[in-house]
Amino acid sequence: MQEVLNSSNKFTNEMKKVELIDFNCDLAQSFGVYKNDSEFDLLDYVSSVNISTGFHAGDPIAIKNALLRAKDKNVVIGAHIGFNDIQGFGSRVMNLSEEEAETLVIYQVGALMSFAKAYGLEVEHVRPHGAMYKLASQNFTFSCAIAKAVKKCSKWLTYVGASGDIISKVGDFVKIPIAQEVKLNKSYNADGTIDYNSIDITDADLLSRRLQKYLLTSQIDNNLRGVSIVEANTIHFASGGDSLELIKNANELITPKPVNYSKVESSGWV
């Protein structure tokens, strides 16, 4: 695996306008009496959704409702998986063996696949949440374990993760479709990876400027007061705060398309 990591291309800061990008958001981020209906406000402006599968959030009713709302809006559906930590909202890292990680993923993806089948839908991608997302972006071995489990569910599923060298190499190593994601509210390192030690950006004007800059140049301001190219197929929009205005602004700048849109378009289906 180390040879795979060492074969990465050198980082570049060449500017390029974003021509095709997916917008995604999370759904079913609730359970029992704890509801998060504000997440549905974003549905008119995204091209894909990540539906929580019950471990970090989401119960059967929440999953069903989110699935049907997504179906009504005709957006791409994905499984939003996490560590078995509903009390901590999936924010705490768990030290799992490869077998434990595999069964955790298959259990959650399988649950959403069953719901989707019941309502004539298809699950098209899998996106980790919280601590699992972070660990998968930093640990090649763990990320490969997730990708292998996703592939066992279906070889057609796309594995979504934080933009950077690891997710790209995991895709090559496991031979699974991947989608790299940018999060505008996160600070970035010079190499285009997320700086998890920095607090989230909440200033609405700054987020709007970062959005416009990214779509025009593929660049994100980094924590060294420079800029970095962040290769991405999708932009994540979290519910709450000023996200609704931000994603409305984004839709005025570019029409989002699902990750696999270009392949479907070239095949003649659209």
C-alpha atoms as a PDB file:
ATOM      1  CA  MET A   1       0.000   0.000   0.000  1.00  0.00           C
ATOM      2  CA  GLN A   2       2.857   2.381   0.756  1.00  0.00           C
ATOM      3  CA  GLU A   3       4.003   2.142  -2.878  1.00  0.00           C
ATOM      4  CA  VAL A   4       0.547   3.287  -3.941  1.00  0.00           C
ATOM      5  CA  LEU A   5       0.758   6.322  -1.657  1.00  0.00           C
ATOM      6  CA  ASN A   6       4.228   7.239  -2.866  1.00  0.00           C
ATOM      7  CA  SER A   7       3.143   7.275  -6.508  1.00  0.00           C
ATOM      8  CA  SER A   8       1.105  10.488  -6.198  1.00  0.00           C
ATOM      9  CA  ASN A   9       1.432  13.325  -8.681  1.00  0.00           C
ATOM     10  CA  LYS A  10       3.105  16.549  -7.600  1.00  0.00           C
ATOM     11  CA  PHE A  11       0.762  19.214  -6.322  1.00  0.00           C
ATOM     12  CA  THR A  12      -0.052  22.086  -8.689  1.00  0.00           C
ATOM     13  CA  ASN A  13      -1.633  25.516  -8.256  1.00  0.00           C
ATOM     14  CA  GLU A  14      -2.731  25.906 -11.869  1.00  0.00           C
ATOM     15  CA  MET A  15      -6.040  27.787 -11.962  1.00  0.00           C
ATOM     16  CA  LYS A  16      -9.025  26.324 -13.792  1.00  0.00           C
ATOM     17  CA  LYS A  17     -12.718  27.151 -13.826  1.00  0.00           C
ATOM     18  CA  VAL A  18     -15.067  24.506 -12.449  1.00  0.00           C
ATOM     19  CA  GLU A  19     -17.208  23.311 -15.357  1.00  0.00           C
ATOM     20  CA  LEU A  20     -19.047  20.379 -13.765  1.00  0.00           C
ATOM     21  CA  ILE A  21     -19.742  19.884 -10.059  1.00  0.00           C
ATOM     22  CA  ASP A  22     -22.217  18.106  -7.793  1.00  0.00           C
ATOM     23  CA  PHE A  23     -23.808  19.740  -4.737  1.00  0.00           C
ATOM     24  CA  ASN A  24     -24.592  17.389  -1.848  1.00  0.00           C
ATOM     25  CA  CYS A  25     -26.187  17.613   1.585  1.00  0.00           C
ATOM     26  CA  ASP A  26     -26.984  15.221   4.443  1.00  0.00           C
ATOM     27  CA  LEU A  27     -30.485  14.002   5.285  1.00  0.00           C
ATOM     28  CA  ALA A  28     -32.066  11.973   8.114  1.00  0.00           C
ATOM     29  CA  GLN A  29     -29.700  13.640  10.584  1.00  0.00           C
ATOM     30  CA  SER A  30     -32.146  12.953  13.402  1.00  0.00           C
ATOM     31  CA  PHE A  31     -33.593  10.129  15.461  1.00  0.00           C
ATOM     32  CA  GLY A  32     -36.634   9.666  17.663  1.00  0.00           C
ATOM     33  CA  VAL A  33     -37.854  12.990  19.049  1.00  0.00           C
ATOM     34  CA  TYR A  34     -34.693  14.781  17.901  1.00  0.00           C
ATOM     35  CA  LYS A  35     -35.611  16.274  14.533  1.00  0.00           C
ATOM     36  CA  ASN A  36     -33.650  18.312  11.997  1.00  0.00           C
ATOM     37  CA  ASP A  37     -36.210  19.478   9.446  1.00  0.00           C
ATOM     38  CA  SER A  38     -33.999  22.386   8.300  1.00  0.00           C
ATOM     39  CA  GLU A  39     -31.981  19.916   6.226  1.00  0.00           C
ATOM     40  CA  PHE A  40     -34.888  19.642   3.770  1.00  0.00           C
ATOM     41  CA  ASP A  41     -34.523  23.352   2.915  1.00  0.00           C
ATOM     42  CA  LEU A  42     -31.497  22.473   0.795  1.00  0.00           C
ATOM     43  CA  LEU A  43     -33.247  19.822  -1.299  1.00  0.00           C
ATOM     44  CA  ASP A  44     -34.272  22.219  -4.076  1.00  0.00           C
ATOM     45  CA  TYR A  45     -30.644  23.173  -4.680  1.00  0.00           C
ATOM     46  CA  VAL A  46     -28.610  19.942  -4.485  1.00  0.00           C
ATOM     47  CA  SER A  47     -28.047  17.231  -7.062  1.00  0.00           C
ATOM     48  CA  SER A  48     -27.331  14.454  -4.535  1.00  0.00           C
ATOM     49  CA  VAL A  49     -28.104  13.607  -0.917  1.00  0.00           C
ATOM     50  CA  ASN A  50     -26.467  11.469   1.769  1.00  0.00           C
ATOM     51  CA  ILE A  51     -29.058   9.681   3.892  1.00  0.00           C
ATOM     52  CA  SER A  52     -27.961   8.748   7.421  1.00  0.00           C
ATOM     53  CA  THR A  53     -28.210   5.021   8.000  1.00  0.00           C
ATOM     54  CA  GLY A  54     -28.904   4.694  11.716  1.00  0.00           C
ATOM     55  CA  PHE A  55     -25.529   4.530  13.448  1.00  0.00           C
ATOM     56  CA  HIS A  56     -24.577   8.185  13.931  1.00  0.00           C
ATOM     57  CA  ALA A  57     -28.099   9.438  13.138  1.00  0.00           C
ATOM     58  CA  GLY A  58     -31.278   8.347  11.416  1.00  0.00           C
ATOM     59  CA  ASP A  59     -34.002   5.942  12.495  1.00  0.00           C
ATOM     60  CA  PRO A  60     -36.254   3.888  10.193  1.00  0.00           C
ATOM     61  CA  ILE A  61     -38.924   6.595   9.920  1.00  0.00           C
ATOM     62  CA  ALA A  62     -36.356   9.346   9.332  1.00  0.00           C
ATOM     63  CA  ILE A  63     -34.627   7.237   6.666  1.00  0.00           C
ATOM     64  CA  LYS A  64     -37.897   6.472   4.873  1.00  0.00           C
ATOM     65  CA  ASN A  65     -39.036  10.117   4.954  1.00  0.00           C
ATOM     66  CA  ALA A  66     -35.675  11.378   3.668  1.00  0.00           C
ATOM     67  CA  LEU A  67     -35.668   8.801   0.892  1.00  0.00           C
ATOM     68  CA  LEU A  68     -39.143   9.774  -0.277  1.00  0.00           C
ATOM     69  CA  ARG A  69     -38.358  13.502  -0.109  1.00  0.00           C
ATOM     70  CA  ALA A  70     -35.250  12.890  -2.217  1.00  0.00           C
ATOM     71  CA  LYS A  71     -37.273  10.804  -4.664  1.00  0.00           C
ATOM     72  CA  ASP A  72     -39.775  13.645  -5.004  1.00  0.00           C
ATOM     73  CA  LYS A  73     -36.945  16.034  -5.899  1.00  0.00           C
ATOM     74  CA  ASN A  74     -35.326  13.515  -8.301  1.00  0.00           C
ATOM     75  CA  VAL A  75     -31.862  13.767  -6.773  1.00  0.00           C
ATOM     76  CA  VAL A  76     -29.171  11.090  -6.500  1.00  0.00           C
ATOM     77  CA  ILE A  77     -29.304   9.052  -3.293  1.00  0.00           C
ATOM     78  CA  GLY A  78     -26.330   7.914  -1.226  1.00  0.00           C
ATOM     79  CA  ALA A  79     -25.712   6.218   2.119  1.00  0.00           C
ATOM     80  CA  HIS A  80     -24.286   8.399   4.884  1.00  0.00           C
ATOM     81  CA  ILE A  81     -22.409   5.947   7.112  1.00  0.00           C
ATOM     82  CA  GLY A  82     -20.663   6.487  10.428  1.00  0.00           C
ATOM     83  CA  PHE A  83     -19.293   4.900  13.566  1.00  0.00           C
ATOM     84  CA  ASN A  84     -21.849   3.295  15.914  1.00  0.00           C
ATOM     85  CA  ASP A  85     -22.070   6.421  18.066  1.00  0.00           C
ATOM     86  CA  ILE A  86     -25.538   7.940  18.017  1.00  0.00           C
ATOM     87  CA  GLN A  87     -24.971   9.579  21.429  1.00  0.00           C
ATOM     88  CA  GLY A  88     -21.913  11.409  20.104  1.00  0.00           C
ATOM     89  CA  PHE A  89     -23.345  12.005  16.608  1.00  0.00           C
ATOM     90  CA  GLY A  90     -20.508   9.938  15.133  1.00  0.00           C
ATOM     91  CA  SER A  91     -17.848  12.396  16.247  1.00  0.00           C
ATOM     92  CA  ARG A  92     -15.748   9.945  18.264  1.00  0.00           C
ATOM     93  CA  VAL A  93     -13.119   7.747  16.622  1.00  0.00           C
ATOM     94  CA  MET A  94     -13.436   4.002  17.171  1.00  0.00           C
ATOM     95  CA  ASN A  95     -10.493   1.655  16.806  1.00  0.00           C
ATOM     96  CA  LEU A  96     -11.897  -1.090  14.578  1.00  0.00           C
ATOM     97  CA  SER A  97     -10.356  -4.124  12.935  1.00  0.00           C
ATOM     98  CA  GLU A  98     -10.736  -4.424   9.169  1.00  0.00           C
ATOM     99  CA  GLU A  99     -13.454  -7.049   9.705  1.00  0.00           C
ATOM    100  CA  GLU A 100     -15.333  -4.768  12.116  1.00  0.00           C
ATOM    101  CA  ALA A 101     -15.072  -1.831   9.711  1.00  0.00           C
ATOM    102  CA  GLU A 102     -16.299  -4.002   6.839  1.00  0.00           C
ATOM    103  CA  THR A 103     -19.359  -5.292   8.689  1.00  0.00           C
ATOM    104  CA  LEU A 104     -20.165  -1.784   9.963  1.00  0.00           C
ATOM    105  CA  VAL A 105     -20.218  -0.449   6.402  1.00  0.00           C
ATOM    106  CA  ILE A 106     -22.110  -3.354   4.828  1.00  0.00           C
ATOM    107  CA  TYR A 107     -24.772  -3.250   7.567  1.00  0.00           C
ATOM    108  CA  GLN A 108     -25.479   0.443   6.986  1.00  0.00           C
ATOM    109  CA  VAL A 109     -25.314   0.451   3.199  1.00  0.00           C
ATOM    110  CA  GLY A 110     -27.486  -2.657   3.109  1.00  0.00           C
ATOM    111  CA  ALA A 111     -30.149  -0.970   5.232  1.00  0.00           C
ATOM    112  CA  LEU A 112     -30.485   1.949   2.824  1.00  0.00           C
ATOM    113  CA  MET A 113     -30.356  -0.365  -0.198  1.00  0.00           C
ATOM    114  CA  SER A 114     -33.331  -2.287   1.194  1.00  0.00           C
ATOM    115  CA  PHE A 115     -35.309   0.914   1.712  1.00  0.00           C
ATOM    116  CA  ALA A 116     -34.395   2.092  -1.772  1.00  0.00           C
ATOM    117  CA  LYS A 117     -35.442  -1.192  -3.342  1.00  0.00           C
ATOM    118  CA  ALA A 118     -38.803  -1.009  -1.588  1.00  0.00           C
ATOM    119  CA  TYR A 119     -39.498   2.343  -3.247  1.00  0.00           C
ATOM    120  CA  GLY A 120     -38.024   1.693  -6.685  1.00  0.00           C
ATOM    121  CA  LEU A 121     -34.805   3.645  -6.126  1.00  0.00           C
ATOM    122  CA  GLU A 122     -31.075   2.975  -6.354  1.00  0.00           C
ATOM    123  CA  VAL A 123     -28.300   3.898  -3.934  1.00  0.00           C
ATOM    124  CA  GLU A 124     -25.482   5.419  -5.998  1.00  0.00           C
ATOM    125  CA  HIS A 125     -22.803   6.473  -3.526  1.00  0.00           C
ATOM    126  CA  VAL A 126     -21.509   6.081   0.024  1.00  0.00           C
ATOM    127  CA  ARG A 127     -20.145   8.961   2.111  1.00  0.00           C
ATOM    128  CA  PRO A 128     -18.641   8.580   5.599  1.00  0.00           C
ATOM    129  CA  HIS A 129     -19.629  10.969   8.383  1.00  0.00           C
ATOM    130  CA  GLY A 130     -17.793  12.799  11.146  1.00  0.00           C
ATOM    131  CA  ALA A 131     -14.932  10.901  12.740  1.00  0.00           C
ATOM    132  CA  MET A 132     -15.136   8.183  10.092  1.00  0.00           C
ATOM    133  CA  TYR A 133     -14.851  10.819   7.334  1.00  0.00           C
ATOM    134  CA  LYS A 134     -11.809  12.369   9.000  1.00  0.00           C
ATOM    135  CA  LEU A 135     -10.050   9.047   9.630  1.00  0.00           C
ATOM    136  CA  ALA A 136     -10.743   7.900   6.081  1.00  0.00           C
ATOM    137  CA  SER A 137      -9.104  11.058   4.747  1.00  0.00           C
ATOM    138  CA  GLN A 138      -5.967  10.510   6.837  1.00  0.00           C
ATOM    139  CA  ASN A 139      -5.477   6.749   7.087  1.00  0.00           C
ATOM    140  CA  PHE A 140      -4.983   4.871   3.812  1.00  0.00           C
ATOM    141  CA  THR A 141      -5.476   1.406   5.333  1.00  0.00           C
ATOM    142  CA  PHE A 142      -8.734   2.360   7.051  1.00  0.00           C
ATOM    143  CA  SER A 143      -9.998   4.125   3.940  1.00  0.00           C
ATOM    144  CA  CYS A 144      -9.251   1.019   1.876  1.00  0.00           C
ATOM    145  CA  ALA A 145     -11.238  -1.104   4.359  1.00  0.00           C
ATOM    146  CA  ILE A 146     -14.255   1.160   3.850  1.00  0.00           C
ATOM    147  CA  ALA A 147     -13.845   1.137   0.074  1.00  0.00           C
ATOM    148  CA  LYS A 148     -13.562  -2.663  -0.045  1.00  0.00           C
ATOM    149  CA  ALA A 149     -16.749  -3.002   1.987  1.00  0.00           C
ATOM    150  CA  VAL A 150     -18.553  -0.516  -0.260  1.00  0.00           C
ATOM    151  CA  LYS A 151     -17.441  -2.486  -3.316  1.00  0.00           C
ATOM    152  CA  LYS A 152     -18.786  -5.707  -1.785  1.00  0.00           C
ATOM    153  CA  CYS A 153     -22.208  -4.051  -1.560  1.00  0.00           C
ATOM    154  CA  SER A 154     -22.022  -3.107  -5.248  1.00  0.00           C
ATOM    155  CA  LYS A 155     -19.166  -2.502  -7.648  1.00  0.00           C
ATOM    156  CA  TRP A 156     -21.153   0.405  -9.094  1.00  0.00           C
ATOM    157  CA  LEU A 157     -21.241   2.426  -5.880  1.00  0.00           C
ATOM    158  CA  THR A 158     -19.139   5.599  -5.727  1.00  0.00           C
ATOM    159  CA  TYR A 159     -17.037   6.143  -2.605  1.00  0.00           C
ATOM    160  CA  VAL A 160     -17.169   9.829  -1.564  1.00  0.00           C
ATOM    161  CA  GLY A 161     -14.428  11.299   0.588  1.00  0.00           C
ATOM    162  CA  ALA A 162     -12.436  14.406   1.395  1.00  0.00           C
ATOM    163  CA  SER A 163     -10.386  15.705  -1.506  1.00  0.00           C
ATOM    164  CA  GLY A 164      -6.761  14.692  -1.355  1.00  0.00           C
ATOM    165  CA  ASP A 165      -4.151  12.127  -2.204  1.00  0.00           C
ATOM    166  CA  ILE A 166      -5.538   9.319  -0.029  1.00  0.00           C
ATOM    167  CA  ILE A 167      -9.022   9.049  -1.532  1.00  0.00           C
ATOM    168  CA  SER A 168      -7.555   9.181  -5.027  1.00  0.00           C
ATOM    169  CA  LYS A 169      -5.092   6.378  -4.299  1.00  0.00           C
ATOM    170  CA  VAL A 170      -7.761   4.304  -2.553  1.00  0.00           C
ATOM    171  CA  GLY A 171      -9.850   4.446  -5.722  1.00  0.00           C
ATOM    172  CA  ASP A 172      -6.926   3.176  -7.783  1.00  0.00           C
ATOM    173  CA  PHE A 173      -5.924   0.513  -5.262  1.00  0.00           C
ATOM    174  CA  VAL A 174      -9.390  -0.918  -4.575  1.00  0.00           C
ATOM    175  CA  LYS A 175     -10.584  -0.212  -8.122  1.00  0.00           C
ATOM    176  CA  ILE A 176     -13.752   1.544  -7.064  1.00  0.00           C
ATOM    177  CA  PRO A 177     -15.297   4.768  -8.410  1.00  0.00           C
ATOM    178  CA  ILE A 178     -14.473   7.694  -6.135  1.00  0.00           C
ATOM    179  CA  ALA A 179     -15.684  11.266  -5.768  1.00  0.00           C
ATOM    180  CA  GLN A 180     -13.556  13.897  -4.077  1.00  0.00           C
ATOM    181  CA  GLU A 181     -15.358  16.477  -1.981  1.00  0.00           C
ATOM    182  CA  VAL A 182     -14.638  20.073  -0.992  1.00  0.00           C
ATOM    183  CA  LYS A 183     -16.142  21.676   2.132  1.00  0.00           C
ATOM    184  CA  LEU A 184     -16.137  25.465   1.919  1.00  0.00           C
ATOM    185  CA  ASN A 185     -16.505  25.898   5.690  1.00  0.00           C
ATOM    186  CA  LYS A 186     -13.238  24.067   6.380  1.00  0.00           C
ATOM    187  CA  SER A 187      -9.712  25.472   6.459  1.00  0.00           C
ATOM    188  CA  TYR A 188      -7.237  23.787   4.127  1.00  0.00           C
ATOM    189  CA  ASN A 189      -3.573  22.868   4.268  1.00  0.00           C
ATOM    190  CA  ALA A 190      -1.164  23.821   1.492  1.00  0.00           C
ATOM    191  CA  ASP A 191      -1.456  20.341  -0.040  1.00  0.00           C
ATOM    192  CA  GLY A 192      -5.214  20.731  -0.509  1.00  0.00           C
ATOM    193  CA  THR A 193      -6.257  18.579   2.454  1.00  0.00           C
ATOM    194  CA  ILE A 194      -8.546  19.685   5.287  1.00  0.00           C
ATOM    195  CA  ASP A 195      -6.939  21.269   8.345  1.00  0.00           C
ATOM    196  CA  TYR A 196      -8.948  19.508  11.056  1.00  0.00           C
ATOM    197  CA  ASN A 197      -7.273  21.539  13.806  1.00  0.00           C
ATOM    198  CA  SER A 198      -8.950  24.761  12.695  1.00  0.00           C
ATOM    199  CA  ILE A 199     -12.465  25.787  13.639  1.00  0.00           C
ATOM    200  CA  ASP A 200     -15.182  25.850  10.983  1.00  0.00           C
ATOM    201  CA  ILE A 201     -15.691  29.046   8.995  1.00  0.00           C
ATOM    202  CA  THR A 202     -19.110  30.567   9.711  1.00  0.00           C
ATOM    203  CA  ASP A 203     -18.824  34.095   8.275  1.00  0.00           C
ATOM    204  CA  ALA A 204     -21.452  34.249   5.493  1.00  0.00           C
ATOM    205  CA  ASP A 205     -19.596  36.831   3.385  1.00  0.00           C
ATOM    206  CA  LEU A 206     -16.339  34.905   3.595  1.00  0.00           C
ATOM    207  CA  LEU A 207     -18.075  31.653   2.633  1.00  0.00           C
ATOM    208  CA  SER A 208     -19.662  33.382  -0.359  1.00  0.00           C
ATOM    209  CA  ARG A 209     -16.276  34.686  -1.509  1.00  0.00           C
ATOM    210  CA  ARG A 210     -14.711  31.251  -1.070  1.00  0.00           C
ATOM    211  CA  LEU A 211     -17.519  29.727  -3.125  1.00  0.00           C
ATOM    212  CA  GLN A 212     -17.119  32.175  -6.000  1.00  0.00           C
ATOM    213  CA  LYS A 213     -13.343  31.860  -5.975  1.00  0.00           C
ATOM    214  CA  TYR A 214     -13.504  28.101  -5.996  1.00  0.00           C
ATOM    215  CA  LEU A 215     -15.930  27.905  -8.919  1.00  0.00           C
ATOM    216  CA  LEU A 216     -13.841  30.363 -10.939  1.00  0.00           C
ATOM    217  CA  THR A 217     -10.390  28.980 -10.141  1.00  0.00           C
ATOM    218  CA  SER A 218     -10.664  25.621  -8.282  1.00  0.00           C
ATOM    219  CA  GLN A 219      -8.660  27.351  -5.552  1.00  0.00           C
ATOM    220  CA  ILE A 220      -9.177  27.528  -1.792  1.00  0.00           C
ATOM    221  CA  ASP A 221      -7.303  29.925   0.488  1.00  0.00           C
ATOM    222  CA  ASN A 222      -5.023  27.809   2.674  1.00  0.00           C
ATOM    223  CA  ASN A 223      -3.724  28.167   6.231  1.00  0.00           C
ATOM    224  CA  LEU A 224      -0.365  29.514   4.994  1.00  0.00           C
ATOM    225  CA  ARG A 225      -2.068  32.609   3.557  1.00  0.00           C
ATOM    226  CA  GLY A 226      -1.683  31.216   0.068  1.00  0.00           C
ATOM    227  CA  VAL A 227      -4.026  29.359  -2.256  1.00  0.00           C
ATOM    228  CA  SER A 228      -4.296  25.673  -3.061  1.00  0.00           C
ATOM    229  CA  ILE A 229      -5.997  23.775  -5.854  1.00  0.00           C
ATOM    230  CA  VAL A 230      -8.587  21.403  -4.407  1.00  0.00           C
ATOM    231  CA  GLU A 231      -9.629  18.765  -6.926  1.00  0.00           C
ATOM    232  CA  ALA A 232     -13.289  17.932  -6.333  1.00  0.00           C
ATOM    233  CA  ASN A 233     -16.316  16.346  -7.961  1.00  0.00           C
ATOM    234  CA  THR A 234     -18.778  17.572  -5.337  1.00  0.00           C
ATOM    235  CA  ILE A 235     -19.301  20.390  -2.834  1.00  0.00           C
ATOM    236  CA  HIS A 236     -20.830  19.597   0.555  1.00  0.00           C
ATOM    237  CA  PHE A 237     -23.385  21.971   2.072  1.00  0.00           C
ATOM    238  CA  ALA A 238     -24.272  21.444   5.729  1.00  0.00           C
ATOM    239  CA  SER A 239     -27.755  22.401   6.925  1.00  0.00           C
ATOM    240  CA  GLY A 240     -28.241  25.282   9.317  1.00  0.00           C
ATOM    241  CA  GLY A 241     -26.731  28.729   9.619  1.00  0.00           C
ATOM    242  CA  ASP A 242     -26.402  30.588   6.312  1.00  0.00           C
ATOM    243  CA  SER A 243     -26.116  27.421   4.208  1.00  0.00           C
ATOM    244  CA  LEU A 244     -29.427  28.029   2.449  1.00  0.00           C
ATOM    245  CA  GLU A 245     -28.358  31.439   1.156  1.00  0.00           C
ATOM    246  CA  LEU A 246     -24.942  30.064   0.223  1.00  0.00           C
ATOM    247  CA  ILE A 247     -26.339  27.207  -1.839  1.00  0.00           C
ATOM    248  CA  LYS A 248     -28.851  29.522  -3.506  1.00  0.00           C
ATOM    249  CA  ASN A 249     -25.910  31.708  -4.486  1.00  0.00           C
ATOM    250  CA  ALA A 250     -24.080  28.642  -5.757  1.00  0.00           C
ATOM    251  CA  ASN A 251     -27.007  27.697  -7.985  1.00  0.00           C
ATOM    252  CA  GLU A 252     -26.917  31.141  -9.563  1.00  0.00           C
ATOM    253  CA  LEU A 253     -23.278  30.577 -10.499  1.00  0.00           C
ATOM    254  CA  ILE A 254     -23.495  26.997 -11.779  1.00  0.00           C
ATOM    255  CA  THR A 255     -26.137  24.301 -12.215  1.00  0.00           C
ATOM    256  CA  PRO A 256     -25.085  21.282 -10.146  1.00  0.00           C
ATOM    257  CA  LYS A 257     -24.912  17.858 -11.786  1.00  0.00           C
ATOM    258  CA  PRO A 258     -24.538  14.452 -10.097  1.00  0.00           C
ATOM    259  CA  VAL A 259     -21.052  12.962 -10.022  1.00  0.00           C
ATOM    260  CA  ASN A 260     -21.791  10.426 -12.771  1.00  0.00           C
ATOM    261  CA  TYR A 261     -23.655  12.916 -14.968  1.00  0.00           C
ATOM    262  CA  SER A 262     -20.878  13.314 -17.524  1.00  0.00           C
ATOM    263  CA  LYS A 263     -20.712   9.535 -18.048  1.00  0.00           C
ATOM    264  CA  VAL A 264     -24.474   9.267 -18.444  1.00  0.00           C
ATOM    265  CA  GLU A 265     -24.525  12.259 -20.787  1.00  0.00           C
ATOM    266  CA  SER A 266     -21.827  10.798 -23.034  1.00  0.00           C
ATOM    267  CA  SER A 267     -23.751   7.501 -23.202  1.00  0.00           C
ATOM    268  CA  GLY A 268     -26.749   9.270 -24.702  1.00  0.00           C
ATOM    269  CA  TRP A 269     -29.121   8.697 -21.782  1.00  0.00           C
ATOM    270  CA  VAL A 270     -29.561  12.449 -21.192  1.00  0.00           C
END
